[in-house]
Amino acid sequence: MIIVFWLIAVAISFFLNLLGLMHIIPLFITMPLLFGSILCTLWTLNNRNRFKGFQQKRM
């Protein structure tokens, strides 16, 4: 569910970036939004199935 949220955030940020390239919205606002949404999407996809190591039994 959270992956879908981040993909929607990337799509919205991409649309805002297109508006920024047409000089409707300032580009210095839209570029960090697009970068942050792509970064969070890749971070979420990368951390899904991370190996956390073997558990040691304590006595």
PDB file of N, CA and C in Angstrom:
ATOM      1  N   MET A   1       0.815  -1.197   0.000  1.00  0.00           N
ATOM      2  CA  MET A   1       0.000   0.000   0.000  1.00  0.00           C
ATOM      3  C   MET A   1       0.863   1.269   0.000  1.00  0.00           C
ATOM      4  N   ILE A   2       1.960   1.220   0.748  1.00  0.00           N
ATOM      5  CA  ILE A   2       2.805   2.409   0.813  1.00  0.00           C
ATOM      6  C   ILE A   2       3.553   2.629  -0.504  1.00  0.00           C
ATOM      7  N   ILE A   3       3.822   1.540  -1.235  1.00  0.00           N
ATOM      8  CA  ILE A   3       4.488   1.675  -2.528  1.00  0.00           C
ATOM      9  C   ILE A   3       3.581   2.407  -3.515  1.00  0.00           C
ATOM     10  N   VAL A   4       2.290   2.119  -3.452  1.00  0.00           N
ATOM     11  CA  VAL A   4       1.326   2.794  -4.323  1.00  0.00           C
ATOM     12  C   VAL A   4       1.295   4.293  -3.999  1.00  0.00           C
ATOM     13  N   PHE A   5       1.366   4.618  -2.713  1.00  0.00           N
ATOM     14  CA  PHE A   5       1.395   6.027  -2.311  1.00  0.00           C
ATOM     15  C   PHE A   5       2.601   6.745  -2.902  1.00  0.00           C
ATOM     16  N   TRP A   6       3.777   6.113  -2.823  1.00  0.00           N
ATOM     17  CA  TRP A   6       4.980   6.761  -3.344  1.00  0.00           C
ATOM     18  C   TRP A   6       4.960   6.862  -4.860  1.00  0.00           C
ATOM     19  N   LEU A   7       4.376   5.876  -5.535  1.00  0.00           N
ATOM     20  CA  LEU A   7       4.278   5.965  -6.999  1.00  0.00           C
ATOM     21  C   LEU A   7       3.328   7.085  -7.422  1.00  0.00           C
ATOM     22  N   ILE A   8       2.249   7.277  -6.676  1.00  0.00           N
ATOM     23  CA  ILE A   8       1.351   8.401  -6.955  1.00  0.00           C
ATOM     24  C   ILE A   8       2.061   9.721  -6.689  1.00  0.00           C
ATOM     25  N   ALA A   9       2.874   9.761  -5.627  1.00  0.00           N
ATOM     26  CA  ALA A   9       3.632  10.974  -5.319  1.00  0.00           C
ATOM     27  C   ALA A   9       4.630  11.292  -6.433  1.00  0.00           C
ATOM     28  N   VAL A  10       5.254  10.269  -7.018  1.00  0.00           N
ATOM     29  CA  VAL A  10       6.175  10.491  -8.142  1.00  0.00           C
ATOM     30  C   VAL A  10       5.417  11.032  -9.345  1.00  0.00           C
ATOM     31  N   ALA A  11       4.236  10.479  -9.612  1.00  0.00           N
ATOM     32  CA  ALA A  11       3.453  10.949 -10.763  1.00  0.00           C
ATOM     33  C   ALA A  11       3.022  12.400 -10.586  1.00  0.00           C
ATOM     34  N   ILE A  12       2.583  12.753  -9.392  1.00  0.00           N
ATOM     35  CA  ILE A  12       2.175  14.143  -9.129  1.00  0.00           C
ATOM     36  C   ILE A  12       3.379  15.076  -9.217  1.00  0.00           C
ATOM     37  N   SER A  13       4.510  14.652  -8.670  1.00  0.00           N
ATOM     38  CA  SER A  13       5.718  15.480  -8.732  1.00  0.00           C
ATOM     39  C   SER A  13       6.203  15.651 -10.164  1.00  0.00           C
ATOM     40  N   PHE A  14       6.063  14.598 -10.965  1.00  0.00           N
ATOM     41  CA  PHE A  14       6.458  14.703 -12.374  1.00  0.00           C
ATOM     42  C   PHE A  14       5.569  15.700 -13.114  1.00  0.00           C
ATOM     43  N   PHE A  15       4.267  15.659 -12.835  1.00  0.00           N
ATOM     44  CA  PHE A  15       3.359  16.622 -13.458  1.00  0.00           C
ATOM     45  C   PHE A  15       3.698  18.051 -13.030  1.00  0.00           C
ATOM     46  N   LEU A  16       3.983  18.237 -11.735  1.00  0.00           N
ATOM     47  CA  LEU A  16       4.376  19.569 -11.268  1.00  0.00           C
ATOM     48  C   LEU A  16       5.689  20.013 -11.902  1.00  0.00           C
ATOM     49  N   ASN A  17       6.594  19.061 -12.131  1.00  0.00           N
ATOM     50  CA  ASN A  17       7.855  19.406 -12.776  1.00  0.00           C
ATOM     51  C   ASN A  17       7.623  19.838 -14.219  1.00  0.00           C
ATOM     52  N   LEU A  18       6.675  19.199 -14.898  1.00  0.00           N
ATOM     53  CA  LEU A  18       6.337  19.652 -16.253  1.00  0.00           C
ATOM     54  C   LEU A  18       5.785  21.073 -16.237  1.00  0.00           C
ATOM     55  N   LEU A  19       4.978  21.373 -15.237  1.00  0.00           N
ATOM     56  CA  LEU A  19       4.497  22.756 -15.109  1.00  0.00           C
ATOM     57  C   LEU A  19       5.647  23.715 -14.814  1.00  0.00           C
ATOM     58  N   GLY A  20       6.618  23.235 -14.061  1.00  0.00           N
ATOM     59  CA  GLY A  20       7.797  24.058 -13.799  1.00  0.00           C
ATOM     60  C   GLY A  20       8.622  24.298 -15.046  1.00  0.00           C
ATOM     61  N   LEU A  21       8.710  23.301 -15.917  1.00  0.00           N
ATOM     62  CA  LEU A  21       9.451  23.481 -17.160  1.00  0.00           C
ATOM     63  C   LEU A  21       8.734  24.433 -18.112  1.00  0.00           C
ATOM     64  N   MET A  22       7.420  24.575 -17.948  1.00  0.00           N
ATOM     65  CA  MET A  22       6.663  25.540 -18.756  1.00  0.00           C
ATOM     66  C   MET A  22       6.610  26.913 -18.095  1.00  0.00           C
ATOM     67  N   HIS A  23       7.342  27.095 -17.001  1.00  0.00           N
ATOM     68  CA  HIS A  23       7.446  28.357 -16.259  1.00  0.00           C
ATOM     69  C   HIS A  23       6.118  28.792 -15.648  1.00  0.00           C
ATOM     70  N   ILE A  24       5.285  27.843 -15.279  1.00  0.00           N
ATOM     71  CA  ILE A  24       4.040  28.158 -14.584  1.00  0.00           C
ATOM     72  C   ILE A  24       4.276  28.136 -13.069  1.00  0.00           C
ATOM     73  N   ILE A  25       5.074  27.183 -12.623  1.00  0.00           N
ATOM     74  CA  ILE A  25       5.473  27.053 -11.217  1.00  0.00           C
ATOM     75  C   ILE A  25       6.992  27.206 -11.188  1.00  0.00           C
ATOM     76  N   PRO A  26       7.550  27.809 -10.136  1.00  0.00           N
ATOM     77  CA  PRO A  26       9.021  27.926 -10.083  1.00  0.00           C
ATOM     78  C   PRO A  26       9.700  26.552 -10.077  1.00  0.00           C
ATOM     79  N   LEU A  27      10.739  26.433 -10.875  1.00  0.00           N
ATOM     80  CA  LEU A  27      11.424  25.157 -11.047  1.00  0.00           C
ATOM     81  C   LEU A  27      12.200  24.761  -9.796  1.00  0.00           C
ATOM     82  N   PHE A  28      12.655  25.723  -9.001  1.00  0.00           N
ATOM     83  CA  PHE A  28      13.411  25.392  -7.794  1.00  0.00           C
ATOM     84  C   PHE A  28      12.516  24.807  -6.698  1.00  0.00           C
ATOM     85  N   ILE A  29      11.212  24.844  -6.877  1.00  0.00           N
ATOM     86  CA  ILE A  29      10.293  24.175  -5.947  1.00  0.00           C
ATOM     87  C   ILE A  29       9.980  22.767  -6.438  1.00  0.00           C
ATOM     88  N   THR A  30       9.814  22.604  -7.749  1.00  0.00           N
ATOM     89  CA  THR A  30       9.379  21.319  -8.277  1.00  0.00           C
ATOM     90  C   THR A  30      10.496  20.286  -8.356  1.00  0.00           C
ATOM     91  N   MET A  31      11.724  20.711  -8.609  1.00  0.00           N
ATOM     92  CA  MET A  31      12.823  19.758  -8.733  1.00  0.00           C
ATOM     93  C   MET A  31      13.118  19.026  -7.420  1.00  0.00           C
ATOM     94  N   PRO A  32      13.197  19.704  -6.267  1.00  0.00           N
ATOM     95  CA  PRO A  32      13.399  18.940  -5.023  1.00  0.00           C
ATOM     96  C   PRO A  32      12.228  18.025  -4.679  1.00  0.00           C
ATOM     97  N   LEU A  33      11.004  18.416  -5.050  1.00  0.00           N
ATOM     98  CA  LEU A  33       9.862  17.530  -4.818  1.00  0.00           C
ATOM     99  C   LEU A  33       9.979  16.250  -5.626  1.00  0.00           C
ATOM    100  N   LEU A  34      10.359  16.372  -6.884  1.00  0.00           N
ATOM    101  CA  LEU A  34      10.528  15.192  -7.724  1.00  0.00           C
ATOM    102  C   LEU A  34      11.681  14.325  -7.220  1.00  0.00           C
ATOM    103  N   PHE A  35      12.779  14.952  -6.857  1.00  0.00           N
ATOM    104  CA  PHE A  35      13.921  14.199  -6.341  1.00  0.00           C
ATOM    105  C   PHE A  35      13.564  13.470  -5.049  1.00  0.00           C
ATOM    106  N   GLY A  36      12.881  14.156  -4.144  1.00  0.00           N
ATOM    107  CA  GLY A  36      12.510  13.539  -2.869  1.00  0.00           C
ATOM    108  C   GLY A  36      11.526  12.396  -3.027  1.00  0.00           C
ATOM    109  N   SER A  37      10.578  12.541  -3.922  1.00  0.00           N
ATOM    110  CA  SER A  37       9.602  11.469  -4.108  1.00  0.00           C
ATOM    111  C   SER A  37      10.238  10.247  -4.772  1.00  0.00           C
ATOM    112  N   ILE A  38      11.143  10.459  -5.731  1.00  0.00           N
ATOM    113  CA  ILE A  38      11.845   9.329  -6.339  1.00  0.00           C
ATOM    114  C   ILE A  38      12.762   8.661  -5.316  1.00  0.00           C
ATOM    115  N   LEU A  39      13.438   9.460  -4.510  1.00  0.00           N
ATOM    116  CA  LEU A  39      14.333   8.919  -3.485  1.00  0.00           C
ATOM    117  C   LEU A  39      13.571   8.072  -2.469  1.00  0.00           C
ATOM    118  N   CYS A  40      12.436   8.566  -1.998  1.00  0.00           N
ATOM    119  CA  CYS A  40      11.645   7.812  -1.020  1.00  0.00           C
ATOM    120  C   CYS A  40      11.046   6.554  -1.633  1.00  0.00           C
ATOM    121  N   THR A  41      10.669   6.609  -2.896  1.00  0.00           N
ATOM    122  CA  THR A  41      10.151   5.414  -3.569  1.00  0.00           C
ATOM    123  C   THR A  41      11.225   4.341  -3.670  1.00  0.00           C
ATOM    124  N   LEU A  42      12.417   4.719  -4.106  1.00  0.00           N
ATOM    125  CA  LEU A  42      13.498   3.741  -4.221  1.00  0.00           C
ATOM    126  C   LEU A  42      13.944   3.234  -2.861  1.00  0.00           C
ATOM    127  N   TRP A  43      13.933   4.086  -1.854  1.00  0.00           N
ATOM    128  CA  TRP A  43      14.307   3.664  -0.500  1.00  0.00           C
ATOM    129  C   TRP A  43      13.303   2.651   0.044  1.00  0.00           C
ATOM    130  N   THR A  44      12.015   2.880  -0.219  1.00  0.00           N
ATOM    131  CA  THR A  44      10.981   1.946   0.230  1.00  0.00           C
ATOM    132  C   THR A  44      11.100   0.611  -0.498  1.00  0.00           C
ATOM    133  N   LEU A  45      11.340   0.646  -1.800  1.00  0.00           N
ATOM    134  CA  LEU A  45      11.489  -0.598  -2.551  1.00  0.00           C
ATOM    135  C   LEU A  45      12.744  -1.367  -2.142  1.00  0.00           C
ATOM    136  N   ASN A  46      13.797  -0.659  -1.758  1.00  0.00           N
ATOM    137  CA  ASN A  46      15.052  -1.303  -1.395  1.00  0.00           C
ATOM    138  C   ASN A  46      14.985  -1.950  -0.013  1.00  0.00           C
ATOM    139  N   ASN A  47      14.214  -1.405   0.902  1.00  0.00           N
ATOM    140  CA  ASN A  47      14.193  -1.892   2.279  1.00  0.00           C
ATOM    141  C   ASN A  47      13.105  -2.909   2.557  1.00  0.00           C
ATOM    142  N   ARG A  48      12.416  -3.389   1.546  1.00  0.00           N
ATOM    143  CA  ARG A  48      11.304  -4.314   1.796  1.00  0.00           C
ATOM    144  C   ARG A  48      11.774  -5.660   2.307  1.00  0.00           C
ATOM    145  N   ASN A  49      12.664  -6.320   1.614  1.00  0.00           N
ATOM    146  CA  ASN A  49      13.062  -7.684   1.963  1.00  0.00           C
ATOM    147  C   ASN A  49      14.519  -7.737   2.389  1.00  0.00           C
ATOM    148  N   ARG A  50      14.882  -6.907   3.318  1.00  0.00           N
ATOM    149  CA  ARG A  50      16.264  -6.860   3.761  1.00  0.00           C
ATOM    150  C   ARG A  50      16.539  -7.993   4.746  1.00  0.00           C
ATOM    151  N   PHE A  51      17.683  -8.647   4.577  1.00  0.00           N
ATOM    152  CA  PHE A  51      18.087  -9.718   5.479  1.00  0.00           C
ATOM    153  C   PHE A  51      18.581  -9.099   6.775  1.00  0.00           C
ATOM    154  N   LYS A  52      17.985  -9.490   7.884  1.00  0.00           N
ATOM    155  CA  LYS A  52      18.307  -8.881   9.171  1.00  0.00           C
ATOM    156  C   LYS A  52      19.265  -9.726  10.000  1.00  0.00           C
ATOM    157  N   GLY A  53      19.758 -10.811   9.436  1.00  0.00           N
ATOM    158  CA  GLY A  53      20.738 -11.639  10.131  1.00  0.00           C
ATOM    159  C   GLY A  53      20.081 -12.771  10.897  1.00  0.00           C
ATOM    160  N   PHE A  54      20.936 -13.660  11.329  1.00  0.00           N
ATOM    161  CA  PHE A  54      20.464 -14.782  12.129  1.00  0.00           C
ATOM    162  C   PHE A  54      20.296 -14.356  13.571  1.00  0.00           C
ATOM    163  N   GLN A  55      19.265 -14.846  14.207  1.00  0.00           N
ATOM    164  CA  GLN A  55      19.018 -14.526  15.610  1.00  0.00           C
ATOM    165  C   GLN A  55      19.843 -15.450  16.488  1.00  0.00           C
ATOM    166  N   GLN A  56      20.538 -14.891  17.470  1.00  0.00           N
ATOM    167  CA  GLN A  56      21.302 -15.695  18.411  1.00  0.00           C
ATOM    168  C   GLN A  56      20.426 -16.029  19.604  1.00  0.00           C
ATOM    169  N   LYS A  57      20.532 -17.253  20.059  1.00  0.00           N
ATOM    170  CA  LYS A  57      19.780 -17.665  21.249  1.00  0.00           C
ATOM    171  C   LYS A  57      20.587 -17.297  22.487  1.00  0.00           C
ATOM    172  N   ARG A  58      19.970 -16.595  23.388  1.00  0.00           N
ATOM    173  CA  ARG A  58      20.636 -16.220  24.634  1.00  0.00           C
ATOM    174  C   ARG A  58      20.180 -17.163  25.733  1.00  0.00           C
ATOM    175  N   MET A  59      21.085 -17.467  26.629  1.00  0.00           N
ATOM    176  CA  MET A  59      20.745 -18.394  27.721  1.00  0.00           C
ATOM    177  C   MET A  59      20.344 -17.675  28.950  1.00  0.00           C
TER     178      MET A  59
END
